[in-house]
Amino acid sequence: MSTSDSSTLRKDRFSPLPRHWLGKTGHSPWQLAKAAQPPYITDLSWQPTTGEVTAALKIYITLIAMVDDEKQTRNVGANCLRTTYEELQLYLKLSRALIREGLKLLEATDAIARLGYKPLVYRVKGLDQKNKEEWMGHVKLPKGHLFGMRRYSSANPIMLADYPTRGMAAMNGLVIYLLLLSVVQRNNNVALISYDRVYERTGIRSKNLRKALDLLINHDLITVLRLNNESTFEAFGLPVTDAELRGTPSVYLPKGLKGRKYNERVNTLEEMLNQRLSAQARADFID
C-alpha cells in the first residue's frame, strides 16, 4: 500500500471487520490474550508473549484496512492483499521479529491465510460471503479515523504506530478494542458491556481493565461514559434492567464510527448524552 497513492484507501470511513475471527468460541483475539497471561490457556504449540500478541493485533487491524482497497483487489484478488515486512515496519514501528511472530500467530489462529512469500500475499478469512465455512458477517472498523494521521505524515499514517507494544495493558487494550467493535449497537454506535462480561469473553480481570481502557482513551481510540441511572440508559435508547443497573456498566464509543466531522462536533459521550436528553425534552414539550 503506497502512502503516495490517494486511492490506497477507499472513500468510505469504514472497513468490514469479519466476525469470523471475533467469534465467541474457537480462534479469536481473546484466545490469544488467554494464551499470553496466567494460567496460559491455549491450544497453540507454543506460548506467545504479550508483545507478540499485541503485534499480531496491530498487524491484523492494519491488514483489515489494507485489504479494503480496490487496487489490492485488482492486483491480487478479492479479500487478498500484498505487502512486505518493510511496509508493515513503516506503518507500525514494529521490529522485523515482532512482525514475523505476529503474522505467525494470525496464521495459526485462522485469521489470515498466506498465499505468497516474496512479497507477502495474504487472504483475510471471513470476508467472502460465498464461503459458508467462514462467513459470519462483519462489523465496522473505523478506518478513516485509524488512518487519519495520513493528513499529517505520509511516513506515519496509522494511529497504531504510536500505540505501545510492551506490557499486558497494551495487549489487553487492543483485545478490548476489538471486543467493543464486535458488540457495537448499529442504531447508536455505542457498545454497552459490563466488566464481568468482558472477563467472561476475554479472561481480562477487572483489576487489569482500567489500565487497558486508559490506554485506549489516551490514544484516541474510544470515549467512555458510566451509566449509573435509568435516565442515561434511556438517553441512548438502551434497555434498562435491574441487573444492568446493579452492575453499573459503561457505555463505550469507538472513535470514528460516526466519522471525523461528527467527532469534531461531539468529542465526548457526555455531550452526546446531553444532546439526546435535550432532544427528548423538546419532543416531550411539543407532545
C-alpha atoms as a PDB file:
ATOM      1  CA  MET A   1       0.000   0.000   0.000  1.00  0.00           C
ATOM      2  CA  SER A   2       1.770   3.145  -1.180  1.00  0.00           C
ATOM      3  CA  THR A   3       1.313   6.210   1.017  1.00  0.00           C
ATOM      4  CA  SER A   4       1.657   8.403  -2.045  1.00  0.00           C
ATOM      5  CA  ASP A   5      -1.311   6.785  -3.762  1.00  0.00           C
ATOM      6  CA  SER A   6      -4.510   8.695  -2.958  1.00  0.00           C
ATOM      7  CA  SER A   7      -6.593   5.676  -3.993  1.00  0.00           C
ATOM      8  CA  THR A   8      -4.950   3.450  -1.372  1.00  0.00           C
ATOM      9  CA  LEU A   9      -7.937   3.716   0.938  1.00  0.00           C
ATOM     10  CA  ARG A  10     -11.412   3.923  -0.460  1.00  0.00           C
ATOM     11  CA  LYS A  11     -13.522   6.959   0.311  1.00  0.00           C
ATOM     12  CA  ASP A  12     -15.608   5.129   2.888  1.00  0.00           C
ATOM     13  CA  ARG A  13     -14.751   5.744   6.518  1.00  0.00           C
ATOM     14  CA  PHE A  14     -15.108   2.083   7.442  1.00  0.00           C
ATOM     15  CA  SER A  15     -13.649  -1.295   6.547  1.00  0.00           C
ATOM     16  CA  PRO A  16     -15.523  -4.560   7.108  1.00  0.00           C
ATOM     17  CA  LEU A  17     -14.054  -6.415  10.095  1.00  0.00           C
ATOM     18  CA  PRO A  18     -15.042 -10.109   9.829  1.00  0.00           C
ATOM     19  CA  ARG A  19     -16.859 -11.706  12.718  1.00  0.00           C
ATOM     20  CA  HIS A  20     -15.131 -14.929  11.693  1.00  0.00           C
ATOM     21  CA  TRP A  21     -12.204 -14.028  13.982  1.00  0.00           C
ATOM     22  CA  LEU A  22     -14.316 -12.265  16.617  1.00  0.00           C
ATOM     23  CA  GLY A  23     -16.482 -15.257  17.462  1.00  0.00           C
ATOM     24  CA  LYS A  24     -17.269 -16.362  20.990  1.00  0.00           C
ATOM     25  CA  THR A  25     -15.572 -19.736  20.572  1.00  0.00           C
ATOM     26  CA  GLY A  26     -12.559 -21.092  18.744  1.00  0.00           C
ATOM     27  CA  HIS A  27      -9.749 -18.897  17.442  1.00  0.00           C
ATOM     28  CA  SER A  28     -10.064 -15.218  18.336  1.00  0.00           C
ATOM     29  CA  PRO A  29      -8.212 -12.223  19.800  1.00  0.00           C
ATOM     30  CA  TRP A  30      -9.448 -13.316  23.231  1.00  0.00           C
ATOM     31  CA  GLN A  31      -7.868 -16.729  22.757  1.00  0.00           C
ATOM     32  CA  LEU A  32      -4.531 -15.037  22.122  1.00  0.00           C
ATOM     33  CA  ALA A  33      -4.931 -12.949  25.282  1.00  0.00           C
ATOM     34  CA  LYS A  34      -5.612 -16.075  27.330  1.00  0.00           C
ATOM     35  CA  ALA A  35      -2.538 -17.755  25.806  1.00  0.00           C
ATOM     36  CA  ALA A  36      -0.204 -14.942  26.874  1.00  0.00           C
ATOM     37  CA  GLN A  37      -1.214 -14.482  30.509  1.00  0.00           C
ATOM     38  CA  PRO A  38      -1.687 -16.817  33.505  1.00  0.00           C
ATOM     39  CA  PRO A  39      -2.994 -19.512  33.554  1.00  0.00           C
ATOM     40  CA  TYR A  40      -1.880 -19.616  29.878  1.00  0.00           C
ATOM     41  CA  ILE A  41      -4.901 -21.342  28.330  1.00  0.00           C
ATOM     42  CA  THR A  42      -4.054 -22.218  24.737  1.00  0.00           C
ATOM     43  CA  ASP A  43      -4.120 -24.910  22.077  1.00  0.00           C
ATOM     44  CA  LEU A  44      -1.137 -23.362  20.300  1.00  0.00           C
ATOM     45  CA  SER A  45       2.055 -25.393  20.184  1.00  0.00           C
ATOM     46  CA  TRP A  46       3.941 -22.532  21.826  1.00  0.00           C
ATOM     47  CA  GLN A  47       3.254 -19.786  24.381  1.00  0.00           C
ATOM     48  CA  PRO A  48       3.312 -16.291  22.865  1.00  0.00           C
ATOM     49  CA  THR A  49       4.438 -13.224  24.793  1.00  0.00           C
ATOM     50  CA  THR A  50       2.148 -10.252  25.416  1.00  0.00           C
ATOM     51  CA  GLY A  51       4.276  -8.218  22.998  1.00  0.00           C
ATOM     52  CA  GLU A  52       3.843 -10.780  20.239  1.00  0.00           C
ATOM     53  CA  VAL A  53       0.078 -10.854  20.758  1.00  0.00           C
ATOM     54  CA  THR A  54      -0.087  -7.048  20.720  1.00  0.00           C
ATOM     55  CA  ALA A  55       1.931  -7.014  17.498  1.00  0.00           C
ATOM     56  CA  ALA A  56      -0.442  -9.593  15.980  1.00  0.00           C
ATOM     57  CA  LEU A  57      -3.487  -7.476  16.827  1.00  0.00           C
ATOM     58  CA  LYS A  58      -1.891  -4.281  15.473  1.00  0.00           C
ATOM     59  CA  ILE A  59      -0.977  -6.104  12.275  1.00  0.00           C
ATOM     60  CA  TYR A  60      -4.453  -7.618  11.919  1.00  0.00           C
ATOM     61  CA  ILE A  61      -6.184  -4.251  12.233  1.00  0.00           C
ATOM     62  CA  THR A  62      -3.789  -2.828   9.631  1.00  0.00           C
ATOM     63  CA  LEU A  63      -4.343  -5.714   7.226  1.00  0.00           C
ATOM     64  CA  ILE A  64      -8.117  -5.238   7.502  1.00  0.00           C
ATOM     65  CA  ALA A  65      -7.727  -1.651   6.318  1.00  0.00           C
ATOM     66  CA  MET A  66      -5.214  -2.591   3.624  1.00  0.00           C
ATOM     67  CA  VAL A  67      -7.334  -5.370   2.113  1.00  0.00           C
ATOM     68  CA  ASP A  68     -10.248  -2.922   1.763  1.00  0.00           C
ATOM     69  CA  ASP A  69      -8.638  -1.364  -1.309  1.00  0.00           C
ATOM     70  CA  GLU A  70      -9.665  -1.549  -4.954  1.00  0.00           C
ATOM     71  CA  LYS A  71      -6.037  -1.580  -6.083  1.00  0.00           C
ATOM     72  CA  GLN A  72      -5.282  -4.639  -3.942  1.00  0.00           C
ATOM     73  CA  THR A  73      -8.355  -6.380  -5.336  1.00  0.00           C
ATOM     74  CA  ARG A  74      -7.221  -5.727  -8.911  1.00  0.00           C
ATOM     75  CA  ASN A  75      -3.663  -6.903  -8.253  1.00  0.00           C
ATOM     76  CA  VAL A  76      -4.105  -9.967  -6.034  1.00  0.00           C
ATOM     77  CA  GLY A  77      -7.824 -10.727  -5.875  1.00  0.00           C
ATOM     78  CA  ALA A  78     -10.857 -10.147  -3.653  1.00  0.00           C
ATOM     79  CA  ASN A  79     -10.197 -10.224   0.105  1.00  0.00           C
ATOM     80  CA  CYS A  80      -6.461 -10.530  -0.547  1.00  0.00           C
ATOM     81  CA  LEU A  81      -3.569  -8.122  -0.117  1.00  0.00           C
ATOM     82  CA  ARG A  82       0.084  -7.804  -0.976  1.00  0.00           C
ATOM     83  CA  THR A  83       2.554  -6.276   1.465  1.00  0.00           C
ATOM     84  CA  THR A  84       6.116  -6.565   2.772  1.00  0.00           C
ATOM     85  CA  TYR A  85       7.863  -6.667   6.133  1.00  0.00           C
ATOM     86  CA  GLU A  86       9.281  -3.224   5.341  1.00  0.00           C
ATOM     87  CA  GLU A  87       5.829  -1.754   4.702  1.00  0.00           C
ATOM     88  CA  LEU A  88       4.447  -3.098   7.979  1.00  0.00           C
ATOM     89  CA  GLN A  89       7.542  -1.831   9.800  1.00  0.00           C
ATOM     90  CA  LEU A  90       6.958   1.622   8.329  1.00  0.00           C
ATOM     91  CA  TYR A  91       3.314   1.736   9.355  1.00  0.00           C
ATOM     92  CA  LEU A  92       3.504   0.160  12.783  1.00  0.00           C
ATOM     93  CA  LYS A  93       7.068   0.856  14.018  1.00  0.00           C
ATOM     94  CA  LEU A  94       7.483  -2.811  14.916  1.00  0.00           C
ATOM     95  CA  SER A  95      10.686  -4.819  14.711  1.00  0.00           C
ATOM     96  CA  ARG A  96      11.021  -7.393  11.965  1.00  0.00           C
ATOM     97  CA  ALA A  97      10.995 -10.128  14.628  1.00  0.00           C
ATOM     98  CA  LEU A  98       7.678  -8.921  16.080  1.00  0.00           C
ATOM     99  CA  ILE A  99       6.127  -8.714  12.622  1.00  0.00           C
ATOM    100  CA  ARG A 100       7.243 -12.257  11.903  1.00  0.00           C
ATOM    101  CA  GLU A 101       5.815 -13.579  15.178  1.00  0.00           C
ATOM    102  CA  GLY A 102       2.625 -11.530  14.826  1.00  0.00           C
ATOM    103  CA  LEU A 103       1.922 -12.887  11.348  1.00  0.00           C
ATOM    104  CA  LYS A 104       2.725 -16.389  12.593  1.00  0.00           C
ATOM    105  CA  LEU A 105       0.099 -16.021  15.334  1.00  0.00           C
ATOM    106  CA  LEU A 106      -2.515 -14.719  12.890  1.00  0.00           C
ATOM    107  CA  GLU A 107      -1.954 -17.683  10.586  1.00  0.00           C
ATOM    108  CA  ALA A 108      -2.011 -20.177  13.462  1.00  0.00           C
ATOM    109  CA  THR A 109      -5.295 -18.807  14.806  1.00  0.00           C
ATOM    110  CA  ASP A 110      -7.122 -18.824  11.464  1.00  0.00           C
ATOM    111  CA  ALA A 111      -7.303 -15.055  10.951  1.00  0.00           C
ATOM    112  CA  ILE A 112      -5.372 -14.992   7.669  1.00  0.00           C
ATOM    113  CA  ALA A 113      -4.011 -17.446   5.108  1.00  0.00           C
ATOM    114  CA  ARG A 114      -0.654 -16.942   3.409  1.00  0.00           C
ATOM    115  CA  LEU A 115      -0.741 -17.251  -0.385  1.00  0.00           C
ATOM    116  CA  GLY A 116       2.703 -15.915  -1.263  1.00  0.00           C
ATOM    117  CA  TYR A 117       6.038 -15.172   0.369  1.00  0.00           C
ATOM    118  CA  LYS A 118       8.046 -12.520  -1.552  1.00  0.00           C
ATOM    119  CA  PRO A 119       6.234 -10.174  -1.424  1.00  0.00           C
ATOM    120  CA  LEU A 120       3.844 -11.383   1.257  1.00  0.00           C
ATOM    121  CA  VAL A 121       0.365 -12.181  -0.077  1.00  0.00           C
ATOM    122  CA  TYR A 122      -2.457 -12.953   2.355  1.00  0.00           C
ATOM    123  CA  ARG A 123      -6.142 -13.721   2.240  1.00  0.00           C
ATOM    124  CA  VAL A 124      -8.137 -12.313   5.146  1.00  0.00           C
ATOM    125  CA  LYS A 125     -10.524 -15.017   6.301  1.00  0.00           C
ATOM    126  CA  GLY A 126     -14.203 -14.330   6.891  1.00  0.00           C
ATOM    127  CA  LEU A 127     -14.780 -11.653   4.244  1.00  0.00           C
ATOM    128  CA  ASP A 128     -16.179 -13.852   1.467  1.00  0.00           C
ATOM    129  CA  GLN A 129     -19.951 -14.224   1.765  1.00  0.00           C
ATOM    130  CA  LYS A 130     -19.862 -17.242  -0.536  1.00  0.00           C
ATOM    131  CA  ASN A 131     -17.544 -19.141   1.798  1.00  0.00           C
ATOM    132  CA  LYS A 132     -20.083 -20.769   4.098  1.00  0.00           C
ATOM    133  CA  GLU A 133     -17.386 -22.209   6.379  1.00  0.00           C
ATOM    134  CA  GLU A 134     -16.066 -18.748   7.242  1.00  0.00           C
ATOM    135  CA  TRP A 135     -18.777 -16.170   6.637  1.00  0.00           C
ATOM    136  CA  MET A 136     -20.348 -14.876   9.865  1.00  0.00           C
ATOM    137  CA  GLY A 137     -21.000 -11.288   8.810  1.00  0.00           C
ATOM    138  CA  HIS A 138     -18.871  -8.314   9.718  1.00  0.00           C
ATOM    139  CA  VAL A 139     -18.697  -5.233  11.934  1.00  0.00           C
ATOM    140  CA  LYS A 140     -17.230  -1.799  11.214  1.00  0.00           C
ATOM    141  CA  LEU A 141     -13.576  -0.919  11.643  1.00  0.00           C
ATOM    142  CA  PRO A 142     -13.203   2.916  11.700  1.00  0.00           C
ATOM    143  CA  LYS A 143     -10.538   3.009   9.009  1.00  0.00           C
ATOM    144  CA  GLY A 144     -10.848   6.731   8.371  1.00  0.00           C
ATOM    145  CA  HIS A 145     -10.075   7.520  11.995  1.00  0.00           C
ATOM    146  CA  LEU A 146      -7.259   4.974  12.385  1.00  0.00           C
ATOM    147  CA  PHE A 147      -5.541   6.160   9.218  1.00  0.00           C
ATOM    148  CA  GLY A 148      -6.221   9.839   9.928  1.00  0.00           C
ATOM    149  CA  MET A 149      -2.520  10.504  10.508  1.00  0.00           C
ATOM    150  CA  ARG A 150      -2.078  10.458   6.721  1.00  0.00           C
ATOM    151  CA  ARG A 151      -3.155  14.091   6.828  1.00  0.00           C
ATOM    152  CA  TYR A 152      -0.024  14.948   8.807  1.00  0.00           C
ATOM    153  CA  SER A 153       2.633  12.386   7.885  1.00  0.00           C
ATOM    154  CA  SER A 154       2.895  10.030   4.924  1.00  0.00           C
ATOM    155  CA  ALA A 155       5.599   8.099   6.815  1.00  0.00           C
ATOM    156  CA  ASN A 156       3.422   7.580   9.913  1.00  0.00           C
ATOM    157  CA  PRO A 157      -0.111   7.183   8.551  1.00  0.00           C
ATOM    158  CA  ILE A 158      -1.733   4.948  11.153  1.00  0.00           C
ATOM    159  CA  MET A 159      -2.505   5.864  14.747  1.00  0.00           C
ATOM    160  CA  LEU A 160      -1.477   2.421  15.976  1.00  0.00           C
ATOM    161  CA  ALA A 161       2.167   3.263  15.224  1.00  0.00           C
ATOM    162  CA  ASP A 162       2.258   5.203  18.495  1.00  0.00           C
ATOM    163  CA  TYR A 163       0.315   2.612  20.458  1.00  0.00           C
ATOM    164  CA  PRO A 164       2.645   0.698  22.839  1.00  0.00           C
ATOM    165  CA  THR A 165       3.612  -2.892  22.180  1.00  0.00           C
ATOM    166  CA  ARG A 166       5.154  -3.867  25.506  1.00  0.00           C
ATOM    167  CA  GLY A 167       3.191  -4.942  28.567  1.00  0.00           C
ATOM    168  CA  MET A 168      -0.057  -6.673  29.413  1.00  0.00           C
ATOM    169  CA  ALA A 169      -2.060  -3.426  29.455  1.00  0.00           C
ATOM    170  CA  ALA A 170      -1.199  -2.767  25.801  1.00  0.00           C
ATOM    171  CA  MET A 171      -2.287  -6.272  24.787  1.00  0.00           C
ATOM    172  CA  ASN A 172      -5.480  -6.070  26.835  1.00  0.00           C
ATOM    173  CA  GLY A 173      -6.291  -2.686  25.325  1.00  0.00           C
ATOM    174  CA  LEU A 174      -6.380  -3.957  21.743  1.00  0.00           C
ATOM    175  CA  VAL A 175      -8.276  -7.079  22.781  1.00  0.00           C
ATOM    176  CA  ILE A 176     -10.916  -4.872  24.422  1.00  0.00           C
ATOM    177  CA  TYR A 177     -10.968  -2.536  21.406  1.00  0.00           C
ATOM    178  CA  LEU A 178     -11.829  -5.420  19.069  1.00  0.00           C
ATOM    179  CA  LEU A 179     -14.374  -6.732  21.572  1.00  0.00           C
ATOM    180  CA  LEU A 180     -16.098  -3.324  21.714  1.00  0.00           C
ATOM    181  CA  LEU A 181     -16.243  -3.144  17.911  1.00  0.00           C
ATOM    182  CA  SER A 182     -17.861  -6.596  17.908  1.00  0.00           C
ATOM    183  CA  VAL A 183     -20.700  -5.545  20.261  1.00  0.00           C
ATOM    184  CA  VAL A 184     -21.387  -2.024  18.974  1.00  0.00           C
ATOM    185  CA  GLN A 185     -25.100  -1.355  18.522  1.00  0.00           C
ATOM    186  CA  ARG A 186     -25.862  -0.275  14.980  1.00  0.00           C
ATOM    187  CA  ASN A 187     -28.556   2.254  15.818  1.00  0.00           C
ATOM    188  CA  ASN A 188     -26.346   4.431  18.050  1.00  0.00           C
ATOM    189  CA  ASN A 189     -22.744   3.227  17.533  1.00  0.00           C
ATOM    190  CA  VAL A 190     -22.168   2.589  21.242  1.00  0.00           C
ATOM    191  CA  ALA A 191     -21.081  -0.604  22.992  1.00  0.00           C
ATOM    192  CA  LEU A 192     -22.639  -1.493  26.333  1.00  0.00           C
ATOM    193  CA  ILE A 193     -20.800  -4.199  28.253  1.00  0.00           C
ATOM    194  CA  SER A 194     -20.043  -4.891  31.905  1.00  0.00           C
ATOM    195  CA  TYR A 195     -16.668  -5.750  33.412  1.00  0.00           C
ATOM    196  CA  ASP A 196     -17.993  -9.222  34.248  1.00  0.00           C
ATOM    197  CA  ARG A 197     -18.958  -9.793  30.629  1.00  0.00           C
ATOM    198  CA  VAL A 198     -15.541  -8.582  29.451  1.00  0.00           C
ATOM    199  CA  TYR A 199     -13.908 -11.120  31.779  1.00  0.00           C
ATOM    200  CA  GLU A 200     -16.210 -13.873  30.562  1.00  0.00           C
ATOM    201  CA  ARG A 201     -15.287 -13.207  26.931  1.00  0.00           C
ATOM    202  CA  THR A 202     -11.585 -12.352  27.242  1.00  0.00           C
ATOM    203  CA  GLY A 203     -10.289 -13.556  30.602  1.00  0.00           C
ATOM    204  CA  ILE A 204      -9.217  -9.982  31.447  1.00  0.00           C
ATOM    205  CA  ARG A 205      -9.919  -9.305  35.113  1.00  0.00           C
ATOM    206  CA  SER A 206     -11.450  -6.028  36.294  1.00  0.00           C
ATOM    207  CA  LYS A 207      -8.239  -5.043  38.137  1.00  0.00           C
ATOM    208  CA  ASN A 208      -6.423  -5.038  34.762  1.00  0.00           C
ATOM    209  CA  LEU A 209      -9.243  -3.468  32.783  1.00  0.00           C
ATOM    210  CA  ARG A 210      -8.806   0.137  33.923  1.00  0.00           C
ATOM    211  CA  LYS A 211      -5.219   0.412  32.655  1.00  0.00           C
ATOM    212  CA  ALA A 212      -6.218  -1.061  29.316  1.00  0.00           C
ATOM    213  CA  LEU A 213      -9.142   1.354  28.933  1.00  0.00           C
ATOM    214  CA  ASP A 214      -6.910   4.287  29.870  1.00  0.00           C
ATOM    215  CA  LEU A 215      -4.556   3.366  27.039  1.00  0.00           C
ATOM    216  CA  LEU A 216      -7.436   3.291  24.548  1.00  0.00           C
ATOM    217  CA  ILE A 217      -8.681   6.670  25.792  1.00  0.00           C
ATOM    218  CA  ASN A 218      -5.226   8.268  25.788  1.00  0.00           C
ATOM    219  CA  HIS A 219      -4.547   7.044  22.249  1.00  0.00           C
ATOM    220  CA  ASP A 220      -7.851   8.468  20.991  1.00  0.00           C
ATOM    221  CA  LEU A 221      -9.456   5.127  20.202  1.00  0.00           C
ATOM    222  CA  ILE A 222     -12.534   5.297  22.473  1.00  0.00           C
ATOM    223  CA  THR A 223     -14.520   7.553  24.806  1.00  0.00           C
ATOM    224  CA  VAL A 224     -16.280   6.241  27.902  1.00  0.00           C
ATOM    225  CA  LEU A 225     -19.335   7.193  29.971  1.00  0.00           C
ATOM    226  CA  ARG A 226     -20.504   5.471  33.139  1.00  0.00           C
ATOM    227  CA  LEU A 227     -24.173   4.512  33.167  1.00  0.00           C
ATOM    228  CA  ASN A 228     -25.492   4.697  36.705  1.00  0.00           C
ATOM    229  CA  ASN A 229     -29.153   5.632  36.428  1.00  0.00           C
ATOM    230  CA  GLU A 230     -32.196   4.967  34.310  1.00  0.00           C
ATOM    231  CA  SER A 231     -32.138   8.318  32.501  1.00  0.00           C
ATOM    232  CA  THR A 232     -28.708   7.726  30.992  1.00  0.00           C
ATOM    233  CA  PHE A 233     -29.841   4.361  29.653  1.00  0.00           C
ATOM    234  CA  GLU A 234     -32.962   5.892  28.148  1.00  0.00           C
ATOM    235  CA  ALA A 235     -30.967   8.720  26.544  1.00  0.00           C
ATOM    236  CA  PHE A 236     -29.103   6.160  24.488  1.00  0.00           C
ATOM    237  CA  GLY A 237     -32.193   4.120  23.740  1.00  0.00           C
ATOM    238  CA  LEU A 238     -30.790   1.198  25.705  1.00  0.00           C
ATOM    239  CA  PRO A 239     -32.933  -1.356  27.543  1.00  0.00           C
ATOM    240  CA  VAL A 240     -32.892  -0.990  31.315  1.00  0.00           C
ATOM    241  CA  THR A 241     -32.772  -3.998  33.593  1.00  0.00           C
ATOM    242  CA  ASP A 242     -32.101  -4.305  37.308  1.00  0.00           C
ATOM    243  CA  ALA A 243     -29.064  -6.450  36.557  1.00  0.00           C
ATOM    244  CA  GLU A 244     -27.593  -3.766  34.299  1.00  0.00           C
ATOM    245  CA  LEU A 245     -28.111  -1.040  36.877  1.00  0.00           C
ATOM    246  CA  ARG A 246     -26.584  -3.160  39.653  1.00  0.00           C
ATOM    247  CA  GLY A 247     -23.524  -3.816  37.540  1.00  0.00           C
ATOM    248  CA  THR A 248     -23.086  -0.098  36.736  1.00  0.00           C
ATOM    249  CA  PRO A 249     -21.781  -0.892  33.254  1.00  0.00           C
ATOM    250  CA  SER A 250     -20.016   1.579  30.989  1.00  0.00           C
ATOM    251  CA  VAL A 251     -21.012   2.669  27.527  1.00  0.00           C
ATOM    252  CA  TYR A 252     -18.168   2.963  25.034  1.00  0.00           C
ATOM    253  CA  LEU A 253     -17.987   4.887  21.777  1.00  0.00           C
ATOM    254  CA  PRO A 254     -15.185   3.721  19.476  1.00  0.00           C
ATOM    255  CA  LYS A 255     -13.809   6.872  17.888  1.00  0.00           C
ATOM    256  CA  GLY A 256     -14.523   7.298  14.206  1.00  0.00           C
ATOM    257  CA  LEU A 257     -17.704   5.262  13.946  1.00  0.00           C
ATOM    258  CA  LYS A 258     -19.655   8.413  13.176  1.00  0.00           C
ATOM    259  CA  GLY A 259     -16.929   9.956  11.035  1.00  0.00           C
ATOM    260  CA  ARG A 260     -14.414  12.731  11.657  1.00  0.00           C
ATOM    261  CA  LYS A 261     -16.819  15.675  11.355  1.00  0.00           C
ATOM    262  CA  TYR A 262     -19.159  14.148  13.911  1.00  0.00           C
ATOM    263  CA  ASN A 263     -16.311  13.551  16.337  1.00  0.00           C
ATOM    264  CA  GLU A 264     -15.135  17.133  15.944  1.00  0.00           C
ATOM    265  CA  ARG A 265     -18.607  18.266  16.970  1.00  0.00           C
ATOM    266  CA  VAL A 266     -19.225  15.665  19.685  1.00  0.00           C
ATOM    267  CA  ASN A 267     -15.950  14.909  21.432  1.00  0.00           C
ATOM    268  CA  THR A 268     -17.323  13.155  24.493  1.00  0.00           C
ATOM    269  CA  LEU A 269     -20.216  10.898  25.304  1.00  0.00           C
ATOM    270  CA  GLU A 270     -21.306  13.386  27.949  1.00  0.00           C
ATOM    271  CA  GLU A 271     -22.014  15.890  25.155  1.00  0.00           C
ATOM    272  CA  MET A 272     -23.773  13.197  23.156  1.00  0.00           C
ATOM    273  CA  LEU A 273     -25.880  12.346  26.191  1.00  0.00           C
ATOM    274  CA  ASN A 274     -26.795  15.996  26.760  1.00  0.00           C
ATOM    275  CA  GLN A 275     -27.845  16.336  23.125  1.00  0.00           C
ATOM    276  CA  ARG A 276     -30.035  13.238  23.390  1.00  0.00           C
ATOM    277  CA  LEU A 277     -31.626  14.490  26.613  1.00  0.00           C
ATOM    278  CA  SER A 278     -32.240  17.961  25.129  1.00  0.00           C
ATOM    279  CA  ALA A 279     -33.843  16.466  22.040  1.00  0.00           C
ATOM    280  CA  GLN A 280     -36.093  14.283  24.202  1.00  0.00           C
ATOM    281  CA  ALA A 281     -37.071  17.262  26.359  1.00  0.00           C
ATOM    282  CA  ARG A 282     -38.078  19.244  23.259  1.00  0.00           C
ATOM    283  CA  ALA A 283     -40.098  16.309  21.949  1.00  0.00           C
ATOM    284  CA  ASP A 284     -41.860  15.903  25.301  1.00  0.00           C
ATOM    285  CA  PHE A 285     -42.697  19.638  25.317  1.00  0.00           C
ATOM    286  CA  ILE A 286     -44.135  19.502  21.817  1.00  0.00           C
ATOM    287  CA  ASP A 287     -46.225  16.450  22.709  1.00  0.00           C
END
